[in-house]
Amino acid sequence: MAATGGKAIASGDRTWARSAPPLAVSSVDCSPARPPRAVVSASPRGEIVPTTQKGADLSDIAPGSRWKDLSERLRLSFKDPSLLRQALVHTSYLNENPGIDVGSNERLEFLGDAALGVVVAQQLYDEYPDVDEGTLTELRAHLVRRDTLARAAARFDLGDYLQLGRGEDAAGGRKRPTNLARAYEAVIGAIFLDGGLVRVRSFVKRTLKPELSGLRSGTMPHDPKSRLQEVIQSHWQTTPTYKLVKTEGPDHARRFTVQVVVNTRVLGTGDGRSKQTAEKEAAQEALETIAREGKAPSVS
């Protein structure tokens, strides 16, 4: 659509204004269902000048009452509420709204991942003084894996507060485990910046209480294949592959040799009278390899 004089020019998702200054066009519907777009206004000389919504506190994205409700659900009080709001901005929202003057939650997620790792490691170190480093690594992987964090986020309906693009929202993004887990970590990053590691520790112990209690009662999976899968998914976001490399012996005394591979690296080898037994031995050796080399040996 084009216009002359003091009328507006629309181009895609943007509205342009020219002539008859000072003319400005702003978003009418700022609800979460229809987030605001970029705004372009006219300069005193009638030039077309792109501007952006000021979103430092994201007050234009969702009503303040929603964030107050979320703070109450989290049982948190933020000195800087914009940090909590920032933690819920998904990249898909920005892709569809490039003029919004705010970044995604990815940087907070990065910070939160580190803070979460420190808190969980110290909690396990203090609570299990007689457990070796390899087992502590497995326990930590169990607590910080995607599905655990997504489950914690779902307990206080964090997905309902995510700022998503329309496509991601329509595709079920509010319930997607990856989105929930990353948002949980981003919230932890926001808590760390707002109140430090002490508040992060309190939040993590409270929101992961069922999982921490489960470890104390011994309900964590003890099968080495299950434990290895959790560790691999936590560190490399992939799954291990088991390869049968040798079969020998007569039918009544057959033995199998299996390797467990992550990407292109063999992390463990096992053998047994059944493929399942061989796979478990390979998984146990892989866990020992990971513990020996550190939490993230090279697997490329």
C-alpha atoms as a PDB file:
ATOM      1  CA  MET A   1       0.000   0.000   0.000  1.00  0.00           C
ATOM      2  CA  ALA A   2       1.332   3.459  -0.895  1.00  0.00           C
ATOM      3  CA  ALA A   3       0.135   6.943  -0.081  1.00  0.00           C
ATOM      4  CA  THR A   4       1.119  10.567  -0.524  1.00  0.00           C
ATOM      5  CA  GLY A   5       0.815  13.696   1.570  1.00  0.00           C
ATOM      6  CA  GLY A   6       0.307  12.899   5.238  1.00  0.00           C
ATOM      7  CA  LYS A   7      -0.772   9.306   4.712  1.00  0.00           C
ATOM      8  CA  ALA A   8       1.098   6.163   5.669  1.00  0.00           C
ATOM      9  CA  ILE A   9       2.981   3.631   3.605  1.00  0.00           C
ATOM     10  CA  ALA A  10       2.721  -0.026   4.716  1.00  0.00           C
ATOM     11  CA  SER A  11       5.453  -2.485   3.806  1.00  0.00           C
ATOM     12  CA  GLY A  12       5.143  -6.005   5.158  1.00  0.00           C
ATOM     13  CA  ASP A  13       4.969  -5.820   8.926  1.00  0.00           C
ATOM     14  CA  ARG A  14       6.164  -2.202   9.090  1.00  0.00           C
ATOM     15  CA  THR A  15       4.265   1.016   8.762  1.00  0.00           C
ATOM     16  CA  TRP A  16       6.023   4.061   7.346  1.00  0.00           C
ATOM     17  CA  ALA A  17       5.040   7.656   7.736  1.00  0.00           C
ATOM     18  CA  ARG A  18       6.187  10.592   5.658  1.00  0.00           C
ATOM     19  CA  SER A  19       5.295  14.178   4.907  1.00  0.00           C
ATOM     20  CA  ALA A  20       3.046  16.153   7.213  1.00  0.00           C
ATOM     21  CA  PRO A  21       5.411  15.818  10.201  1.00  0.00           C
ATOM     22  CA  PRO A  22       5.423  15.139  13.091  1.00  0.00           C
ATOM     23  CA  LEU A  23       3.575  11.904  12.234  1.00  0.00           C
ATOM     24  CA  ALA A  24       4.162   8.652  14.142  1.00  0.00           C
ATOM     25  CA  VAL A  25       2.531   5.265  14.020  1.00  0.00           C
ATOM     26  CA  SER A  26       2.585   2.955  17.045  1.00  0.00           C
ATOM     27  CA  SER A  27       1.312  -0.514  17.785  1.00  0.00           C
ATOM     28  CA  VAL A  28      -2.354  -0.743  18.734  1.00  0.00           C
ATOM     29  CA  ASP A  29      -2.505  -4.330  19.964  1.00  0.00           C
ATOM     30  CA  CYS A  30       0.329  -5.159  22.354  1.00  0.00           C
ATOM     31  CA  SER A  31      -1.195  -8.310  23.796  1.00  0.00           C
ATOM     32  CA  PRO A  32       0.901 -11.496  24.026  1.00  0.00           C
ATOM     33  CA  ALA A  33      -1.251 -13.000  21.267  1.00  0.00           C
ATOM     34  CA  ARG A  34      -0.308 -10.167  18.885  1.00  0.00           C
ATOM     35  CA  PRO A  35       3.052  -8.702  19.961  1.00  0.00           C
ATOM     36  CA  PRO A  36       4.076  -5.215  18.812  1.00  0.00           C
ATOM     37  CA  ARG A  37       6.024  -4.661  15.631  1.00  0.00           C
ATOM     38  CA  ALA A  38       8.669  -2.135  14.702  1.00  0.00           C
ATOM     39  CA  VAL A  39       7.535   1.463  14.511  1.00  0.00           C
ATOM     40  CA  VAL A  40       8.734   3.985  11.957  1.00  0.00           C
ATOM     41  CA  SER A  41       8.051   7.680  12.356  1.00  0.00           C
ATOM     42  CA  ALA A  42       8.646  10.844  10.370  1.00  0.00           C
ATOM     43  CA  SER A  43      11.465  13.262  10.999  1.00  0.00           C
ATOM     44  CA  PRO A  44      10.795  17.030  11.131  1.00  0.00           C
ATOM     45  CA  ARG A  45      11.869  17.181   7.464  1.00  0.00           C
ATOM     46  CA  GLY A  46       9.349  14.514   6.449  1.00  0.00           C
ATOM     47  CA  GLU A  47      11.971  11.797   5.970  1.00  0.00           C
ATOM     48  CA  ILE A  48      11.173   8.152   6.653  1.00  0.00           C
ATOM     49  CA  VAL A  49      13.064   7.236   9.842  1.00  0.00           C
ATOM     50  CA  PRO A  50      12.898   3.715  11.316  1.00  0.00           C
ATOM     51  CA  THR A  51      12.649   3.640  15.098  1.00  0.00           C
ATOM     52  CA  THR A  52      12.058   0.861  17.602  1.00  0.00           C
ATOM     53  CA  GLN A  53       9.788   0.161  20.505  1.00  0.00           C
ATOM     54  CA  LYS A  54      11.644   0.886  23.712  1.00  0.00           C
ATOM     55  CA  GLY A  55      11.608  -2.476  25.441  1.00  0.00           C
ATOM     56  CA  ALA A  56      14.112  -2.194  28.262  1.00  0.00           C
ATOM     57  CA  ASP A  57      11.543  -3.490  30.728  1.00  0.00           C
ATOM     58  CA  LEU A  58       9.394  -5.258  28.135  1.00  0.00           C
ATOM     59  CA  SER A  59       6.319  -3.494  29.500  1.00  0.00           C
ATOM     60  CA  ASP A  60       4.887  -3.307  25.987  1.00  0.00           C
ATOM     61  CA  ILE A  61       5.078  -7.060  25.464  1.00  0.00           C
ATOM     62  CA  ALA A  62       2.760  -8.221  28.239  1.00  0.00           C
ATOM     63  CA  PRO A  63       0.777  -6.584  31.036  1.00  0.00           C
ATOM     64  CA  GLY A  64       2.632  -6.097  34.289  1.00  0.00           C
ATOM     65  CA  SER A  65       0.048  -8.188  36.099  1.00  0.00           C
ATOM     66  CA  ARG A  66       1.249 -11.284  34.216  1.00  0.00           C
ATOM     67  CA  TRP A  67       4.820 -10.825  35.406  1.00  0.00           C
ATOM     68  CA  LYS A  68       3.635 -10.165  38.940  1.00  0.00           C
ATOM     69  CA  ASP A  69       1.674 -13.413  38.760  1.00  0.00           C
ATOM     70  CA  LEU A  70       4.760 -15.278  37.548  1.00  0.00           C
ATOM     71  CA  SER A  71       6.917 -13.780  40.312  1.00  0.00           C
ATOM     72  CA  GLU A  72       4.394 -15.050  42.826  1.00  0.00           C
ATOM     73  CA  ARG A  73       4.409 -18.511  41.264  1.00  0.00           C
ATOM     74  CA  LEU A  74       8.205 -18.553  41.446  1.00  0.00           C
ATOM     75  CA  ARG A  75       8.074 -17.105  44.969  1.00  0.00           C
ATOM     76  CA  LEU A  76      10.610 -14.494  43.951  1.00  0.00           C
ATOM     77  CA  SER A  77      10.865 -10.741  44.203  1.00  0.00           C
ATOM     78  CA  PHE A  78      13.078  -9.039  41.626  1.00  0.00           C
ATOM     79  CA  LYS A  79      14.783  -5.708  42.226  1.00  0.00           C
ATOM     80  CA  ASP A  80      14.966  -5.449  38.430  1.00  0.00           C
ATOM     81  CA  PRO A  81      11.790  -7.064  36.998  1.00  0.00           C
ATOM     82  CA  SER A  82      13.070  -6.597  33.445  1.00  0.00           C
ATOM     83  CA  LEU A  83      15.509  -9.464  34.041  1.00  0.00           C
ATOM     84  CA  LEU A  84      12.663 -11.911  34.591  1.00  0.00           C
ATOM     85  CA  ARG A  85      10.860 -10.635  31.510  1.00  0.00           C
ATOM     86  CA  GLN A  86      14.040 -10.909  29.464  1.00  0.00           C
ATOM     87  CA  ALA A  87      14.405 -14.546  30.533  1.00  0.00           C
ATOM     88  CA  LEU A  88      11.167 -15.451  28.761  1.00  0.00           C
ATOM     89  CA  VAL A  89      11.899 -13.921  25.321  1.00  0.00           C
ATOM     90  CA  HIS A  90      12.441 -16.736  22.808  1.00  0.00           C
ATOM     91  CA  THR A  91      14.478 -16.140  19.651  1.00  0.00           C
ATOM     92  CA  SER A  92      11.437 -16.905  17.492  1.00  0.00           C
ATOM     93  CA  TYR A  93       9.697 -13.848  18.913  1.00  0.00           C
ATOM     94  CA  LEU A  94      12.541 -11.587  17.833  1.00  0.00           C
ATOM     95  CA  ASN A  95      12.721 -13.204  14.400  1.00  0.00           C
ATOM     96  CA  GLU A  96       9.122 -12.146  13.792  1.00  0.00           C
ATOM     97  CA  ASN A  97       9.551  -8.774  15.539  1.00  0.00           C
ATOM     98  CA  PRO A  98      12.960  -7.429  14.511  1.00  0.00           C
ATOM     99  CA  GLY A  99      12.178  -3.898  15.683  1.00  0.00           C
ATOM    100  CA  ILE A 100      11.714  -4.797  19.337  1.00  0.00           C
ATOM    101  CA  ASP A 101      14.520  -3.244  21.349  1.00  0.00           C
ATOM    102  CA  VAL A 102      15.342  -6.304  23.445  1.00  0.00           C
ATOM    103  CA  GLY A 103      17.444  -9.422  23.047  1.00  0.00           C
ATOM    104  CA  SER A 104      16.467 -13.066  23.451  1.00  0.00           C
ATOM    105  CA  ASN A 105      16.952 -15.094  26.624  1.00  0.00           C
ATOM    106  CA  GLU A 106      20.000 -16.925  25.239  1.00  0.00           C
ATOM    107  CA  ARG A 107      22.620 -14.920  27.161  1.00  0.00           C
ATOM    108  CA  LEU A 108      20.723 -15.390  30.408  1.00  0.00           C
ATOM    109  CA  GLU A 109      20.413 -19.088  29.587  1.00  0.00           C
ATOM    110  CA  PHE A 110      24.197 -19.265  29.183  1.00  0.00           C
ATOM    111  CA  LEU A 111      24.722 -17.623  32.556  1.00  0.00           C
ATOM    112  CA  GLY A 112      22.027 -19.698  34.222  1.00  0.00           C
ATOM    113  CA  ASP A 113      23.509 -22.953  32.948  1.00  0.00           C
ATOM    114  CA  ALA A 114      26.808 -22.101  34.632  1.00  0.00           C
ATOM    115  CA  ALA A 115      25.174 -21.002  37.889  1.00  0.00           C
ATOM    116  CA  LEU A 116      22.972 -24.103  37.958  1.00  0.00           C
ATOM    117  CA  GLY A 117      26.005 -26.343  37.451  1.00  0.00           C
ATOM    118  CA  VAL A 118      27.866 -24.755  40.371  1.00  0.00           C
ATOM    119  CA  VAL A 119      24.881 -24.970  42.723  1.00  0.00           C
ATOM    120  CA  VAL A 120      24.049 -28.586  41.849  1.00  0.00           C
ATOM    121  CA  ALA A 121      27.703 -29.649  42.078  1.00  0.00           C
ATOM    122  CA  GLN A 122      28.102 -28.101  45.522  1.00  0.00           C
ATOM    123  CA  GLN A 123      24.805 -29.572  46.726  1.00  0.00           C
ATOM    124  CA  LEU A 124      25.889 -33.058  45.672  1.00  0.00           C
ATOM    125  CA  TYR A 125      29.398 -32.572  47.062  1.00  0.00           C
ATOM    126  CA  ASP A 126      28.030 -31.573  50.477  1.00  0.00           C
ATOM    127  CA  GLU A 127      25.244 -34.150  50.600  1.00  0.00           C
ATOM    128  CA  TYR A 128      27.241 -37.187  49.431  1.00  0.00           C
ATOM    129  CA  PRO A 129      30.705 -36.938  51.047  1.00  0.00           C
ATOM    130  CA  ASP A 130      31.523 -40.601  50.423  1.00  0.00           C
ATOM    131  CA  VAL A 131      30.557 -40.699  46.718  1.00  0.00           C
ATOM    132  CA  ASP A 132      33.358 -40.686  44.149  1.00  0.00           C
ATOM    133  CA  GLU A 133      33.781 -38.100  41.394  1.00  0.00           C
ATOM    134  CA  GLY A 134      32.464 -40.379  38.666  1.00  0.00           C
ATOM    135  CA  THR A 135      29.188 -41.014  40.471  1.00  0.00           C
ATOM    136  CA  LEU A 136      28.830 -37.325  41.341  1.00  0.00           C
ATOM    137  CA  THR A 137      29.164 -36.545  37.629  1.00  0.00           C
ATOM    138  CA  GLU A 138      26.347 -38.981  36.851  1.00  0.00           C
ATOM    139  CA  LEU A 139      24.138 -37.537  39.588  1.00  0.00           C
ATOM    140  CA  ARG A 140      24.709 -34.016  38.324  1.00  0.00           C
ATOM    141  CA  ALA A 141      23.907 -35.050  34.757  1.00  0.00           C
ATOM    142  CA  HIS A 142      20.647 -36.560  36.010  1.00  0.00           C
ATOM    143  CA  LEU A 143      19.680 -33.292  37.724  1.00  0.00           C
ATOM    144  CA  VAL A 144      20.607 -30.834  34.962  1.00  0.00           C
ATOM    145  CA  ARG A 145      19.456 -32.796  31.919  1.00  0.00           C
ATOM    146  CA  ARG A 146      16.817 -31.292  29.659  1.00  0.00           C
ATOM    147  CA  ASP A 147      13.872 -33.408  30.773  1.00  0.00           C
ATOM    148  CA  THR A 148      14.507 -32.731  34.470  1.00  0.00           C
ATOM    149  CA  LEU A 149      14.634 -28.968  33.956  1.00  0.00           C
ATOM    150  CA  ALA A 150      11.605 -29.012  31.653  1.00  0.00           C
ATOM    151  CA  ARG A 151       9.643 -30.888  34.301  1.00  0.00           C
ATOM    152  CA  ALA A 152      10.651 -28.314  36.918  1.00  0.00           C
ATOM    153  CA  ALA A 153       9.606 -25.452  34.617  1.00  0.00           C
ATOM    154  CA  ALA A 154       6.248 -27.082  33.944  1.00  0.00           C
ATOM    155  CA  ARG A 155       5.439 -27.178  37.656  1.00  0.00           C
ATOM    156  CA  PHE A 156       4.931 -23.423  37.667  1.00  0.00           C
ATOM    157  CA  ASP A 157       3.593 -23.209  34.091  1.00  0.00           C
ATOM    158  CA  LEU A 158       6.632 -21.353  32.779  1.00  0.00           C
ATOM    159  CA  GLY A 159       5.602 -22.111  29.202  1.00  0.00           C
ATOM    160  CA  ASP A 160       2.510 -19.924  29.587  1.00  0.00           C
ATOM    161  CA  TYR A 161       4.755 -16.899  30.022  1.00  0.00           C
ATOM    162  CA  LEU A 162       7.146 -17.492  27.118  1.00  0.00           C
ATOM    163  CA  GLN A 163       7.222 -14.790  24.457  1.00  0.00           C
ATOM    164  CA  LEU A 164       7.184 -16.872  21.272  1.00  0.00           C
ATOM    165  CA  GLY A 165       6.844 -16.179  17.591  1.00  0.00           C
ATOM    166  CA  ARG A 166       3.474 -17.136  16.135  1.00  0.00           C
ATOM    167  CA  GLY A 167       4.925 -20.103  14.262  1.00  0.00           C
ATOM    168  CA  GLU A 168       6.689 -21.544  17.315  1.00  0.00           C
ATOM    169  CA  ASP A 169       3.604 -20.977  19.437  1.00  0.00           C
ATOM    170  CA  ALA A 170       1.351 -22.722  16.910  1.00  0.00           C
ATOM    171  CA  ALA A 171       3.787 -25.652  16.749  1.00  0.00           C
ATOM    172  CA  GLY A 172       3.431 -26.320  20.470  1.00  0.00           C
ATOM    173  CA  GLY A 173       6.471 -24.343  21.593  1.00  0.00           C
ATOM    174  CA  ARG A 174       5.037 -23.627  25.026  1.00  0.00           C
ATOM    175  CA  LYS A 175       5.227 -27.311  25.898  1.00  0.00           C
ATOM    176  CA  ARG A 176       8.431 -28.129  24.048  1.00  0.00           C
ATOM    177  CA  PRO A 177      10.916 -29.573  26.592  1.00  0.00           C
ATOM    178  CA  THR A 178      13.879 -27.754  25.059  1.00  0.00           C
ATOM    179  CA  ASN A 179      12.146 -24.362  25.346  1.00  0.00           C
ATOM    180  CA  LEU A 180      11.084 -25.063  28.924  1.00  0.00           C
ATOM    181  CA  ALA A 181      14.520 -26.240  30.014  1.00  0.00           C
ATOM    182  CA  ARG A 182      16.248 -23.250  28.422  1.00  0.00           C
ATOM    183  CA  ALA A 183      13.751 -20.843  29.954  1.00  0.00           C
ATOM    184  CA  TYR A 184      14.362 -22.411  33.374  1.00  0.00           C
ATOM    185  CA  GLU A 185      18.097 -21.818  32.954  1.00  0.00           C
ATOM    186  CA  ALA A 186      17.466 -18.259  31.758  1.00  0.00           C
ATOM    187  CA  VAL A 187      15.355 -17.573  34.858  1.00  0.00           C
ATOM    188  CA  ILE A 188      18.267 -18.823  36.964  1.00  0.00           C
ATOM    189  CA  GLY A 189      20.540 -16.425  35.082  1.00  0.00           C
ATOM    190  CA  ALA A 190      18.139 -13.594  35.881  1.00  0.00           C
ATOM    191  CA  ILE A 191      18.056 -14.580  39.558  1.00  0.00           C
ATOM    192  CA  PHE A 192      21.854 -14.662  39.656  1.00  0.00           C
ATOM    193  CA  LEU A 193      22.177 -11.155  38.226  1.00  0.00           C
ATOM    194  CA  ASP A 194      19.444  -9.814  40.486  1.00  0.00           C
ATOM    195  CA  GLY A 195      20.368 -11.470  43.758  1.00  0.00           C
ATOM    196  CA  GLY A 196      23.509 -13.572  43.482  1.00  0.00           C
ATOM    197  CA  LEU A 197      24.345 -17.226  43.986  1.00  0.00           C
ATOM    198  CA  VAL A 198      22.658 -17.479  47.384  1.00  0.00           C
ATOM    199  CA  ARG A 199      19.254 -16.789  45.840  1.00  0.00           C
ATOM    200  CA  VAL A 200      20.010 -19.163  42.962  1.00  0.00           C
ATOM    201  CA  ARG A 201      20.805 -21.917  45.458  1.00  0.00           C
ATOM    202  CA  SER A 202      17.537 -21.354  47.296  1.00  0.00           C
ATOM    203  CA  PHE A 203      15.536 -21.406  44.054  1.00  0.00           C
ATOM    204  CA  VAL A 204      17.231 -24.534  42.703  1.00  0.00           C
ATOM    205  CA  LYS A 205      16.838 -26.489  45.940  1.00  0.00           C
ATOM    206  CA  ARG A 206      13.155 -25.576  46.048  1.00  0.00           C
ATOM    207  CA  THR A 207      12.282 -26.164  42.390  1.00  0.00           C
ATOM    208  CA  LEU A 208      14.319 -29.373  42.064  1.00  0.00           C
ATOM    209  CA  LYS A 209      13.224 -30.713  45.451  1.00  0.00           C
ATOM    210  CA  PRO A 210      11.404 -33.782  44.009  1.00  0.00           C
ATOM    211  CA  GLU A 211      14.489 -34.783  42.004  1.00  0.00           C
ATOM    212  CA  LEU A 212      16.858 -34.204  44.938  1.00  0.00           C
ATOM    213  CA  SER A 213      14.565 -36.243  47.173  1.00  0.00           C
ATOM    214  CA  GLY A 214      14.507 -38.953  44.530  1.00  0.00           C
ATOM    215  CA  LEU A 215      18.282 -39.243  44.667  1.00  0.00           C
ATOM    216  CA  ARG A 216      18.181 -39.585  48.445  1.00  0.00           C
ATOM    217  CA  SER A 217      15.625 -42.374  48.217  1.00  0.00           C
ATOM    218  CA  GLY A 218      17.660 -44.144  45.540  1.00  0.00           C
ATOM    219  CA  THR A 219      15.120 -43.778  42.731  1.00  0.00           C
ATOM    220  CA  MET A 220      17.653 -42.587  40.149  1.00  0.00           C
ATOM    221  CA  PRO A 221      18.069 -45.128  37.320  1.00  0.00           C
ATOM    222  CA  HIS A 222      21.033 -47.350  38.138  1.00  0.00           C
ATOM    223  CA  ASP A 223      21.237 -49.156  34.802  1.00  0.00           C
ATOM    224  CA  PRO A 224      24.536 -48.016  33.220  1.00  0.00           C
ATOM    225  CA  LYS A 225      22.908 -47.580  29.802  1.00  0.00           C
ATOM    226  CA  SER A 226      20.294 -45.233  31.272  1.00  0.00           C
ATOM    227  CA  ARG A 227      22.929 -43.302  33.204  1.00  0.00           C
ATOM    228  CA  LEU A 228      25.176 -43.020  30.148  1.00  0.00           C
ATOM    229  CA  GLN A 229      22.334 -41.724  27.998  1.00  0.00           C
ATOM    230  CA  GLU A 230      21.599 -39.000  30.558  1.00  0.00           C
ATOM    231  CA  VAL A 231      25.257 -37.969  30.691  1.00  0.00           C
ATOM    232  CA  ILE A 232      25.615 -37.915  26.889  1.00  0.00           C
ATOM    233  CA  GLN A 233      22.393 -35.955  26.380  1.00  0.00           C
ATOM    234  CA  SER A 234      23.413 -33.471  29.064  1.00  0.00           C
ATOM    235  CA  HIS A 235      26.869 -32.763  27.627  1.00  0.00           C
ATOM    236  CA  TRP A 236      26.495 -33.274  23.873  1.00  0.00           C
ATOM    237  CA  GLN A 237      22.732 -33.195  23.141  1.00  0.00           C
ATOM    238  CA  THR A 238      22.890 -36.519  21.337  1.00  0.00           C
ATOM    239  CA  THR A 239      22.501 -40.204  22.153  1.00  0.00           C
ATOM    240  CA  PRO A 240      25.083 -43.009  22.277  1.00  0.00           C
ATOM    241  CA  THR A 241      25.149 -45.712  19.597  1.00  0.00           C
ATOM    242  CA  TYR A 242      25.889 -49.354  20.327  1.00  0.00           C
ATOM    243  CA  LYS A 243      27.742 -51.291  17.620  1.00  0.00           C
ATOM    244  CA  LEU A 244      28.126 -55.057  17.569  1.00  0.00           C
ATOM    245  CA  VAL A 245      31.741 -55.562  16.507  1.00  0.00           C
ATOM    246  CA  LYS A 246      32.288 -59.285  17.112  1.00  0.00           C
ATOM    247  CA  THR A 247      30.370 -62.488  17.683  1.00  0.00           C
ATOM    248  CA  GLU A 248      32.246 -65.670  18.540  1.00  0.00           C
ATOM    249  CA  GLY A 249      31.792 -69.139  19.971  1.00  0.00           C
ATOM    250  CA  PRO A 250      29.302 -71.934  19.318  1.00  0.00           C
ATOM    251  CA  ASP A 251      25.563 -71.343  19.556  1.00  0.00           C
ATOM    252  CA  HIS A 252      25.323 -72.680  23.114  1.00  0.00           C
ATOM    253  CA  ALA A 253      28.205 -70.485  24.325  1.00  0.00           C
ATOM    254  CA  ARG A 254      28.036 -67.409  22.097  1.00  0.00           C
ATOM    255  CA  ARG A 255      29.842 -64.254  23.207  1.00  0.00           C
ATOM    256  CA  PHE A 256      29.224 -60.746  21.916  1.00  0.00           C
ATOM    257  CA  THR A 257      31.507 -57.720  21.833  1.00  0.00           C
ATOM    258  CA  VAL A 258      29.887 -54.294  21.641  1.00  0.00           C
ATOM    259  CA  GLN A 259      31.288 -50.778  21.393  1.00  0.00           C
ATOM    260  CA  VAL A 260      29.451 -47.637  22.495  1.00  0.00           C
ATOM    261  CA  VAL A 261      30.100 -44.690  20.189  1.00  0.00           C
ATOM    262  CA  VAL A 262      29.358 -40.975  20.547  1.00  0.00           C
ATOM    263  CA  ASN A 263      29.692 -39.143  17.270  1.00  0.00           C
ATOM    264  CA  THR A 264      32.833 -40.850  15.928  1.00  0.00           C
ATOM    265  CA  ARG A 265      34.565 -41.765  19.180  1.00  0.00           C
ATOM    266  CA  VAL A 266      34.445 -45.150  20.911  1.00  0.00           C
ATOM    267  CA  LEU A 267      33.943 -44.445  24.614  1.00  0.00           C
ATOM    268  CA  GLY A 268      33.652 -48.032  25.837  1.00  0.00           C
ATOM    269  CA  THR A 269      33.808 -51.692  24.876  1.00  0.00           C
ATOM    270  CA  GLY A 270      32.070 -54.595  26.571  1.00  0.00           C
ATOM    271  CA  ASP A 271      31.508 -58.276  26.049  1.00  0.00           C
ATOM    272  CA  GLY A 272      29.070 -60.848  27.385  1.00  0.00           C
ATOM    273  CA  ARG A 273      26.939 -63.835  26.652  1.00  0.00           C
ATOM    274  CA  SER A 274      24.133 -61.610  25.418  1.00  0.00           C
ATOM    275  CA  LYS A 275      24.089 -58.369  23.476  1.00  0.00           C
ATOM    276  CA  GLN A 276      22.327 -56.672  26.380  1.00  0.00           C
ATOM    277  CA  THR A 277      25.032 -57.682  28.842  1.00  0.00           C
ATOM    278  CA  ALA A 278      27.743 -56.531  26.441  1.00  0.00           C
ATOM    279  CA  GLU A 279      26.019 -53.173  25.952  1.00  0.00           C
ATOM    280  CA  LYS A 280      25.798 -52.635  29.720  1.00  0.00           C
ATOM    281  CA  GLU A 281      29.487 -53.382  30.121  1.00  0.00           C
ATOM    282  CA  ALA A 282      30.319 -50.980  27.297  1.00  0.00           C
ATOM    283  CA  ALA A 283      28.149 -48.293  28.889  1.00  0.00           C
ATOM    284  CA  GLN A 284      29.848 -48.780  32.270  1.00  0.00           C
ATOM    285  CA  GLU A 285      33.275 -48.445  30.673  1.00  0.00           C
ATOM    286  CA  ALA A 286      32.111 -45.283  28.878  1.00  0.00           C
ATOM    287  CA  LEU A 287      30.952 -43.779  32.186  1.00  0.00           C
ATOM    288  CA  GLU A 288      34.370 -44.522  33.678  1.00  0.00           C
ATOM    289  CA  THR A 289      36.031 -42.908  30.652  1.00  0.00           C
ATOM    290  CA  ILE A 290      33.960 -39.763  31.066  1.00  0.00           C
ATOM    291  CA  ALA A 291      34.701 -39.605  34.797  1.00  0.00           C
ATOM    292  CA  ARG A 292      38.426 -40.117  34.186  1.00  0.00           C
ATOM    293  CA  GLU A 293      38.748 -37.480  31.456  1.00  0.00           C
ATOM    294  CA  GLY A 294      36.392 -34.915  32.925  1.00  0.00           C
ATOM    295  CA  LYS A 295      32.759 -34.058  32.287  1.00  0.00           C
ATOM    296  CA  ALA A 296      33.189 -33.345  28.590  1.00  0.00           C
ATOM    297  CA  PRO A 297      35.952 -35.283  26.801  1.00  0.00           C
ATOM    298  CA  SER A 298      36.267 -34.748  23.084  1.00  0.00           C
ATOM    299  CA  VAL A 299      33.844 -36.899  21.109  1.00  0.00           C
ATOM    300  CA  SER A 300      34.329 -35.415  17.648  1.00  0.00           C
END
